[in-house]
Amino acid sequence: MRYSLLVLVLLLVLSCQEETVKTLEIGTYRGNLIAQDNQAMPFMFEVTSSTTLKIYNAEEVIEVDEITYKNDSVFIKLPFFRTELNGKFDGKNIKGQWIDADRDRYVEFYSEYGVDKRFDDEPTNNDVNVSGVWEMEFNDYGNIYPAKAVLEQNGNKVTGNIRTPTGDYRFLEGVVAADTLKISTFDAAHAFLFKAHVTDSSMVGGFYSGNHSLETFVGKPNPDFEMTDAYTLTFIKEGYDTFNFSFPDLEGNMVSFTDERFKDKVVLVQLMGSYCPNCLDETKFYSKFYEANKDKGLEIIALAFENAKTEEKAINGLNRMKERVGLNYEILIAQIGTNDKGKASEKMPMLNKVMSYPTTIYLDRTGKVRKIHTGFNGPATGDKHISFQKEFNSFMETLLSE
């Protein structure tokens, strides 16, 4: 009798302990990351099971499948990038931080269960329509750079993309409320909010990136505006007749362009980082192309410039990315502890400078540099992405047939 009573008490204790471990409620949430000036950078996500959720940015869907729990806390490891959403439960909601430990960035985060709107103030009557192409100018603490926005407005809902000379700001989604435009995105590596006063002929506002950067911008409609050709920004310096590299692979073996494996091959050299969404887009594209053409005399080699603080973390992050993408071309470690482009330029003395991750150098079978492309026009750039793919495929067909 005493033994049975003891077992019953033990079971009750274990049952109570199990009940203290909460899990995410199935359903729709609005996530909010807090930027400077206490601005919320909202994004939508849907919990599909206790260990899976989906993040939505316009057409983009990011599937998350590494969620763990401890007592009243949840730990959401985001795919591809070394960032996490960690927090404690507040009823059905979460309060915590978005953590990018590699860059020592910690952003306040909270979620709202059952909220299905990215922004609250969504009046149905609107005199302003932002659809079309906008010529933009950003001011990054005195550094002025151009950008091209392509936006589409349906009612008061807005989607689109903003492209710069070295990349793009991903799948943007939001609203026009009265005379205010608000569009945001969260791709696990970056959180962006663009907030502007708009008329039919002007746009003036602020660009919030995480809680570490606030730039200003102005814009005007210009359907004929084009960005500088991405093939003209990075080039080989005079005195160099080819591109060269020598860096260790993920197992520590040195790999150089002079190795026999690259002889008489068409070679793409990709400057990239595992923390970079544009690099991820490019890597997915190159991975498919490589699988379809590797038997035709093609080599693709990635040079990784990693901001991970240790070699072990850099290698683990790159292997995780390779596994998730299904990547079969090789990655070399070019830099650890910083993605500083000035330091990268020192490692690439044959280039005028490293402007962007990603950057791709195209070498023909003789080792001659035929093109260098700065940045990548990813899926969020729409027609630009489609035209890039056609141009890329055509040029690579030429190189491979030579």
Protein backbone atom coordinates (compact mmCIF):
# COMPACT_ATOMS: atom_id res chain seq x y z
CA MET A 1 0.00 0.00 0.00
CA ARG A 2 2.78 2.41 0.97
CA TYR A 3 4.66 1.47 -2.21
CA SER A 4 1.58 2.20 -4.38
CA LEU A 5 1.08 5.53 -2.65
CA LEU A 6 4.72 6.42 -3.26
CA VAL A 7 4.41 5.62 -6.98
CA LEU A 8 1.24 7.72 -7.22
CA VAL A 9 2.94 10.73 -5.59
CA LEU A 10 5.93 10.36 -7.93
CA LEU A 11 3.67 10.27 -10.98
CA LEU A 12 1.84 13.37 -9.81
CA VAL A 13 5.15 15.22 -9.32
CA LEU A 14 6.37 14.23 -12.79
CA SER A 15 3.02 15.25 -14.30
CA CYS A 16 3.28 18.69 -12.69
CA GLN A 17 6.82 19.09 -13.97
CA GLU A 18 5.73 18.24 -17.51
CA GLU A 19 2.95 20.80 -17.37
CA THR A 20 5.44 23.60 -16.66
CA VAL A 21 6.99 23.18 -20.14
CA LYS A 22 4.87 25.37 -22.42
CA THR A 23 4.88 25.21 -26.21
CA LEU A 24 3.86 27.58 -28.98
CA GLU A 25 0.16 27.77 -29.74
CA ILE A 26 -0.78 26.69 -33.28
CA GLY A 27 -1.90 29.71 -35.32
CA THR A 28 -0.94 33.10 -36.73
CA TYR A 29 1.29 35.61 -34.97
CA ARG A 30 2.65 39.06 -35.61
CA GLY A 31 6.26 39.36 -34.56
CA ASN A 32 7.69 42.76 -33.64
CA LEU A 33 11.37 43.68 -33.50
CA ILE A 34 12.08 47.02 -31.85
CA ALA A 35 14.29 49.44 -33.80
CA GLN A 36 15.60 52.87 -32.91
CA ASP A 37 13.03 55.49 -31.87
CA ASN A 38 11.01 52.56 -30.45
CA GLN A 39 9.78 51.72 -33.96
CA ALA A 40 8.35 48.23 -34.40
CA MET A 41 9.57 46.25 -37.41
CA PRO A 42 6.68 43.79 -37.85
CA PHE A 43 6.61 40.44 -39.61
CA MET A 44 4.08 37.64 -39.83
CA PHE A 45 4.61 34.03 -38.87
CA GLU A 46 2.46 30.94 -38.55
CA VAL A 47 3.10 28.15 -36.05
CA THR A 48 2.22 24.87 -37.78
CA SER A 49 3.32 22.51 -34.95
CA SER A 50 5.17 22.78 -31.65
CA THR A 51 8.48 22.42 -33.52
CA THR A 52 7.79 24.14 -36.87
CA LEU A 53 6.73 27.58 -38.06
CA LYS A 54 6.72 29.67 -41.25
CA ILE A 55 7.80 33.31 -41.61
CA TYR A 56 6.05 35.33 -44.34
CA ASN A 57 7.33 38.32 -46.30
CA ALA A 58 5.08 38.97 -49.33
CA GLU A 59 5.81 35.98 -51.64
CA GLU A 60 8.63 34.66 -49.47
CA VAL A 61 8.05 31.76 -47.05
CA ILE A 62 10.86 30.84 -44.62
CA GLU A 63 10.40 27.44 -42.98
CA VAL A 64 11.77 27.05 -39.46
CA ASP A 65 12.19 23.58 -37.96
CA GLU A 66 14.58 23.96 -35.02
CA ILE A 67 12.44 24.95 -32.01
CA THR A 68 13.13 23.81 -28.48
CA TYR A 69 11.65 24.56 -25.05
CA LYS A 70 12.72 24.74 -21.45
CA ASN A 71 10.24 25.49 -18.69
CA ASP A 72 8.54 28.78 -19.67
CA SER A 73 10.99 29.65 -22.49
CA VAL A 74 11.19 28.97 -26.23
CA PHE A 75 14.33 28.90 -28.38
CA ILE A 76 13.83 29.36 -32.14
CA LYS A 77 16.97 28.71 -34.20
CA LEU A 78 16.52 30.35 -37.58
CA PRO A 79 17.52 28.48 -40.77
CA PHE A 80 20.74 29.11 -42.74
CA PHE A 81 21.89 32.04 -40.58
CA ARG A 82 23.37 31.93 -37.07
CA THR A 83 20.58 33.92 -35.43
CA GLU A 84 17.89 33.00 -32.90
CA LEU A 85 14.59 34.25 -31.51
CA ASN A 86 14.60 33.43 -27.81
CA GLY A 87 12.00 34.44 -25.25
CA LYS A 88 9.66 33.64 -22.40
CA PHE A 89 5.96 32.99 -22.74
CA ASP A 90 3.53 35.72 -21.77
CA GLY A 91 0.25 33.84 -22.10
CA LYS A 92 0.15 32.79 -25.77
CA ASN A 93 2.69 35.46 -26.69
CA ILE A 94 6.49 35.64 -26.41
CA LYS A 95 8.75 38.37 -25.08
CA GLY A 96 12.47 38.13 -25.64
CA GLN A 97 15.26 38.95 -28.08
CA TRP A 98 16.41 38.36 -31.61
CA ILE A 99 20.07 37.43 -31.17
CA ASP A 100 22.93 37.70 -33.66
CA ALA A 101 25.81 36.68 -31.40
CA ASP A 102 28.45 36.86 -34.16
CA ARG A 103 27.89 40.62 -34.42
CA ASP A 104 26.94 41.19 -30.77
CA ARG A 105 23.47 42.39 -31.76
CA TYR A 106 20.47 41.91 -29.49
CA VAL A 107 17.08 43.27 -30.56
CA GLU A 108 14.00 43.35 -28.34
CA PHE A 109 11.27 41.06 -29.67
CA TYR A 110 7.65 40.34 -28.83
CA SER A 111 4.88 38.46 -30.58
CA GLU A 112 1.10 38.86 -30.73
CA TYR A 113 -0.95 35.69 -31.09
CA GLY A 114 -4.01 35.79 -33.36
CA VAL A 115 -3.05 39.06 -35.09
CA ASP A 116 -3.26 38.66 -38.88
CA LYS A 117 -2.23 42.16 -40.02
CA ARG A 118 1.36 43.28 -40.50
CA PHE A 119 0.40 46.89 -39.64
CA ASP A 120 -2.64 48.04 -37.65
CA ASP A 121 -3.56 51.32 -39.33
CA GLU A 122 -4.96 50.23 -42.66
CA PRO A 123 -7.65 52.71 -43.82
CA THR A 124 -9.45 51.66 -46.98
CA ASN A 125 -9.64 55.15 -48.50
CA ASN A 126 -6.35 56.41 -49.90
CA ASP A 127 -5.48 59.28 -52.23
CA VAL A 128 -1.84 58.19 -52.68
CA ASN A 129 -0.68 55.35 -54.93
CA VAL A 130 3.01 54.39 -54.78
CA SER A 131 2.92 51.80 -57.56
CA GLY A 132 5.76 52.02 -60.05
CA VAL A 133 9.48 52.74 -60.17
CA TRP A 134 11.03 55.19 -57.71
CA GLU A 135 14.48 56.73 -58.03
CA MET A 136 15.84 56.86 -54.50
CA GLU A 137 18.82 58.31 -52.65
CA PHE A 138 19.91 57.04 -49.24
CA ASN A 139 22.07 58.86 -46.71
CA ASP A 140 24.03 56.44 -44.53
CA TYR A 141 25.59 58.83 -42.02
CA GLY A 142 27.02 60.95 -44.84
CA ASN A 143 27.59 58.14 -47.32
CA ILE A 144 25.17 58.84 -50.18
CA TYR A 145 24.12 55.98 -52.44
CA PRO A 146 21.37 55.46 -55.06
CA ALA A 147 18.64 52.83 -55.04
CA LYS A 148 15.73 51.74 -57.19
CA ALA A 149 12.37 50.86 -55.66
CA VAL A 150 9.76 48.89 -57.59
CA LEU A 151 6.48 48.91 -55.66
CA GLU A 152 2.99 47.59 -56.29
CA GLN A 153 -0.03 48.89 -54.41
CA ASN A 154 -3.39 47.12 -54.27
CA GLY A 155 -5.88 49.09 -52.20
CA ASN A 156 -3.72 50.15 -49.31
CA LYS A 157 -1.48 47.02 -49.35
CA VAL A 158 2.03 47.46 -50.75
CA THR A 159 4.63 44.90 -51.84
CA GLY A 160 7.91 45.32 -53.69
CA ASN A 161 11.66 45.54 -53.51
CA ILE A 162 14.39 48.16 -53.17
CA ARG A 163 17.62 47.46 -55.06
CA THR A 164 20.99 49.11 -54.43
CA PRO A 165 24.23 48.93 -56.46
CA THR A 166 25.41 46.00 -54.33
CA GLY A 167 22.26 44.03 -53.46
CA ASP A 168 18.60 44.35 -52.56
CA TYR A 169 16.45 44.74 -49.47
CA ARG A 170 14.46 41.57 -49.99
CA PHE A 171 10.70 40.91 -50.11
CA LEU A 172 9.05 44.01 -48.67
CA GLU A 173 5.43 44.15 -47.52
CA GLY A 174 3.30 46.78 -45.83
CA VAL A 175 0.72 49.52 -46.24
CA VAL A 176 0.06 53.08 -47.25
CA ALA A 177 -1.96 54.68 -44.44
CA ALA A 178 -3.11 58.21 -45.32
CA ASP A 179 0.18 59.83 -46.43
CA THR A 180 2.52 57.35 -44.73
CA LEU A 181 4.22 54.37 -46.36
CA LYS A 182 5.38 51.55 -44.08
CA ILE A 183 7.02 48.41 -45.50
CA SER A 184 9.08 45.82 -43.65
CA THR A 185 10.79 42.45 -43.91
CA PHE A 186 12.47 39.90 -41.65
CA ASP A 187 14.57 37.25 -43.38
CA ALA A 188 16.29 35.89 -40.23
CA ALA A 189 19.55 37.69 -41.10
CA HIS A 190 18.13 41.21 -41.42
CA ALA A 191 15.14 43.13 -40.12
CA PHE A 192 14.22 46.21 -42.17
CA LEU A 193 11.58 48.92 -41.86
CA PHE A 194 11.09 51.72 -44.39
CA LYS A 195 8.79 54.47 -43.15
CA ALA A 196 8.13 57.54 -45.29
CA HIS A 197 5.85 60.51 -45.91
CA VAL A 198 4.61 60.07 -49.49
CA THR A 199 2.81 62.06 -52.15
CA ASP A 200 2.31 61.22 -55.81
CA SER A 201 5.63 62.94 -56.58
CA SER A 202 7.87 62.46 -53.55
CA MET A 203 8.94 60.17 -50.74
CA VAL A 204 10.89 61.25 -47.64
CA GLY A 205 11.63 58.90 -44.78
CA GLY A 206 13.81 56.71 -42.63
CA PHE A 207 15.31 53.26 -43.16
CA TYR A 208 15.61 51.22 -39.94
CA SER A 209 17.94 48.20 -39.92
CA GLY A 210 17.75 46.16 -36.73
CA ASN A 211 18.32 48.50 -33.80
CA HIS A 212 21.81 49.54 -34.92
CA SER A 213 21.24 51.71 -38.00
CA LEU A 214 18.91 54.50 -39.11
CA GLU A 215 19.43 56.04 -42.54
CA THR A 216 17.38 58.73 -44.26
CA PHE A 217 16.14 58.59 -47.83
CA VAL A 218 14.30 60.58 -50.47
CA GLY A 219 12.61 59.34 -53.64
CA LYS A 220 10.74 60.43 -56.71
CA PRO A 221 8.83 58.52 -59.40
CA ASN A 222 11.01 57.79 -62.43
CA PRO A 223 9.92 54.91 -64.70
CA ASP A 224 13.14 55.24 -66.77
CA PHE A 225 15.59 55.09 -63.86
CA GLU A 226 18.27 52.38 -64.07
CA MET A 227 21.04 51.42 -61.67
CA THR A 228 24.72 51.35 -62.62
CA ASP A 229 25.64 48.18 -64.55
CA ALA A 230 26.66 45.56 -61.96
CA TYR A 231 29.39 44.32 -64.33
CA THR A 232 31.26 47.65 -64.22
CA LEU A 233 31.73 48.16 -60.45
CA THR A 234 34.47 45.61 -59.72
CA PHE A 235 37.36 44.94 -62.11
CA ILE A 236 40.88 43.55 -62.41
CA LYS A 237 43.62 46.12 -61.82
CA GLU A 238 46.19 46.91 -64.47
CA GLY A 239 49.21 44.65 -64.19
CA TYR A 240 47.18 41.53 -63.36
CA ASP A 241 46.32 39.12 -66.15
CA THR A 242 44.20 36.71 -64.10
CA PHE A 243 42.54 36.15 -60.73
CA ASN A 244 44.19 33.94 -58.12
CA PHE A 245 43.41 32.57 -54.66
CA SER A 246 44.86 30.20 -52.07
CA PHE A 247 42.75 29.41 -48.98
CA PRO A 248 41.92 26.35 -46.83
CA ASP A 249 38.78 24.31 -47.37
CA LEU A 250 36.47 23.29 -44.52
CA GLU A 251 38.78 20.37 -43.67
CA GLY A 252 41.89 22.57 -43.57
CA ASN A 253 43.35 21.54 -46.94
CA MET A 254 44.85 24.38 -49.01
CA VAL A 255 43.20 24.98 -52.37
CA SER A 256 44.66 27.29 -55.05
CA PHE A 257 43.57 28.36 -58.50
CA THR A 258 46.83 26.90 -59.81
CA ASP A 259 45.73 23.38 -58.73
CA GLU A 260 45.35 20.81 -61.50
CA ARG A 261 41.61 20.49 -60.90
CA PHE A 262 40.99 23.98 -62.34
CA LYS A 263 43.14 23.52 -65.46
CA ASP A 264 41.19 24.01 -68.71
CA LYS A 265 37.98 24.58 -66.73
CA VAL A 266 35.46 27.40 -66.72
CA VAL A 267 35.62 28.68 -63.14
CA LEU A 268 33.23 30.87 -61.16
CA VAL A 269 34.77 32.33 -58.00
CA GLN A 270 32.06 33.45 -55.55
CA LEU A 271 32.91 35.89 -52.76
CA MET A 272 30.26 35.28 -50.11
CA GLY A 273 29.33 34.85 -46.45
CA SER A 274 26.97 32.43 -44.70
CA TYR A 275 25.27 35.37 -42.88
CA CYS A 276 24.26 37.07 -46.16
CA PRO A 277 20.75 36.55 -47.64
CA ASN A 278 21.76 37.75 -51.13
CA CYS A 279 24.65 35.25 -50.97
CA LEU A 280 22.17 32.53 -50.01
CA ASP A 281 19.95 33.38 -52.98
CA GLU A 282 22.96 33.26 -55.28
CA THR A 283 24.25 30.02 -53.75
CA LYS A 284 20.90 28.29 -54.31
CA PHE A 285 20.94 29.46 -57.95
CA TYR A 286 24.56 28.43 -58.53
CA SER A 287 24.01 25.07 -56.83
CA LYS A 288 21.34 24.07 -59.35
CA PHE A 289 23.41 25.33 -62.27
CA TYR A 290 26.47 23.44 -61.02
CA GLU A 291 24.60 20.15 -60.73
CA ALA A 292 23.34 20.53 -64.30
CA ASN A 293 26.71 21.55 -65.81
CA LYS A 294 29.56 20.15 -63.68
CA ASP A 295 30.28 17.44 -66.26
CA LYS A 296 30.87 20.08 -68.96
CA GLY A 297 34.13 21.40 -67.53
CA LEU A 298 32.70 23.76 -64.88
CA GLU A 299 34.06 24.49 -61.41
CA ILE A 300 32.45 26.82 -58.85
CA ILE A 301 34.46 27.75 -55.78
CA ALA A 302 33.15 29.91 -52.92
CA LEU A 303 35.45 32.10 -50.85
CA ALA A 304 33.75 32.68 -47.48
CA PHE A 305 34.31 35.92 -45.55
CA GLU A 306 32.81 35.01 -42.19
CA ASN A 307 31.95 37.24 -39.23
CA ALA A 308 31.80 34.21 -36.89
CA LYS A 309 34.13 34.79 -33.95
CA THR A 310 35.91 31.44 -34.19
CA GLU A 311 36.99 29.09 -36.95
CA GLU A 312 34.86 26.33 -35.45
CA LYS A 313 31.71 28.47 -35.56
CA ALA A 314 32.48 29.58 -39.11
CA ILE A 315 32.95 26.01 -40.31
CA ASN A 316 29.83 24.77 -38.50
CA GLY A 317 27.76 27.58 -40.00
CA LEU A 318 29.05 26.92 -43.52
CA ASN A 319 28.45 23.17 -43.21
CA ARG A 320 24.92 23.84 -41.94
CA MET A 321 24.26 26.07 -44.95
CA LYS A 322 25.72 23.48 -47.34
CA GLU A 323 23.50 20.76 -45.88
CA ARG A 324 20.34 22.85 -46.05
CA VAL A 325 20.99 24.03 -49.63
CA GLY A 326 22.25 20.63 -50.80
CA LEU A 327 25.42 22.36 -51.99
CA ASN A 328 28.09 20.23 -53.68
CA TYR A 329 30.64 22.79 -54.83
CA GLU A 330 33.48 23.67 -52.50
CA ILE A 331 33.75 26.49 -49.95
CA LEU A 332 37.08 27.91 -48.79
CA ILE A 333 37.63 29.99 -45.65
CA ALA A 334 38.99 33.37 -46.76
CA GLN A 335 38.38 35.41 -43.59
CA ILE A 336 37.13 34.83 -40.03
CA GLY A 337 35.92 37.27 -37.38
CA THR A 338 34.84 40.06 -39.70
CA ASN A 339 33.21 40.63 -43.07
CA ASP A 340 35.07 43.95 -43.43
CA LYS A 341 35.39 44.66 -47.16
CA GLY A 342 38.60 46.64 -46.71
CA LYS A 343 40.31 43.59 -45.19
CA ALA A 344 38.80 41.44 -47.93
CA SER A 345 40.25 43.77 -50.55
CA GLU A 346 43.70 43.22 -49.04
CA LYS A 347 43.29 39.50 -49.67
CA MET A 348 42.18 40.19 -53.26
CA PRO A 349 44.94 42.59 -54.46
CA MET A 350 44.13 41.97 -58.12
CA LEU A 351 40.67 43.58 -57.68
CA ASN A 352 40.09 47.34 -57.58
CA LYS A 353 38.07 46.67 -54.39
CA VAL A 354 35.57 44.31 -52.81
CA MET A 355 32.29 46.23 -52.80
CA SER A 356 29.76 43.56 -52.01
CA TYR A 357 29.02 40.07 -50.82
CA PRO A 358 28.30 38.36 -53.09
CA THR A 359 30.65 39.15 -55.96
CA THR A 360 31.37 36.65 -58.72
CA ILE A 361 34.45 36.44 -60.95
CA TYR A 362 33.98 34.59 -64.26
CA LEU A 363 37.13 32.90 -65.62
CA ASP A 364 37.33 31.11 -68.98
CA ARG A 365 39.26 27.92 -69.71
CA THR A 366 42.50 29.88 -70.21
CA GLY A 367 42.22 31.55 -66.78
CA LYS A 368 41.27 34.93 -68.22
CA VAL A 369 38.74 37.04 -66.29
CA ARG A 370 35.83 37.61 -68.64
CA LYS A 371 33.37 39.31 -66.28
CA ILE A 372 32.93 40.33 -62.66
CA HIS A 373 29.42 40.74 -61.28
CA THR A 374 28.89 42.75 -58.08
CA GLY A 375 25.91 41.76 -55.93
CA PHE A 376 23.10 39.45 -56.94
CA ASN A 377 19.62 40.15 -58.27
CA GLY A 378 17.61 37.69 -56.18
CA PRO A 379 14.01 36.46 -56.50
CA ALA A 380 12.68 39.56 -54.69
CA THR A 381 13.81 41.73 -57.64
CA GLY A 382 11.20 40.12 -59.92
CA ASP A 383 11.81 40.89 -63.61
CA LYS A 384 15.43 41.82 -62.89
CA HIS A 385 16.02 38.35 -61.45
CA ILE A 386 14.47 36.73 -64.51
CA SER A 387 16.55 38.81 -66.94
CA PHE A 388 19.72 38.07 -64.93
CA GLN A 389 19.08 34.32 -65.16
CA LYS A 390 18.65 34.52 -68.94
CA GLU A 391 21.81 36.60 -69.33
CA PHE A 392 23.79 34.32 -67.02
CA ASN A 393 22.70 31.12 -68.75
CA SER A 394 23.51 32.55 -72.19
CA PHE A 395 26.98 33.76 -71.18
CA MET A 396 27.84 30.53 -69.35
CA GLU A 397 26.77 28.51 -72.40
CA THR A 398 29.24 30.58 -74.43
CA LEU A 399 32.09 30.00 -71.96
CA LEU A 400 31.44 26.28 -71.67
CA SER A 401 31.33 25.83 -75.46
CA GLU A 402 34.68 27.56 -76.03
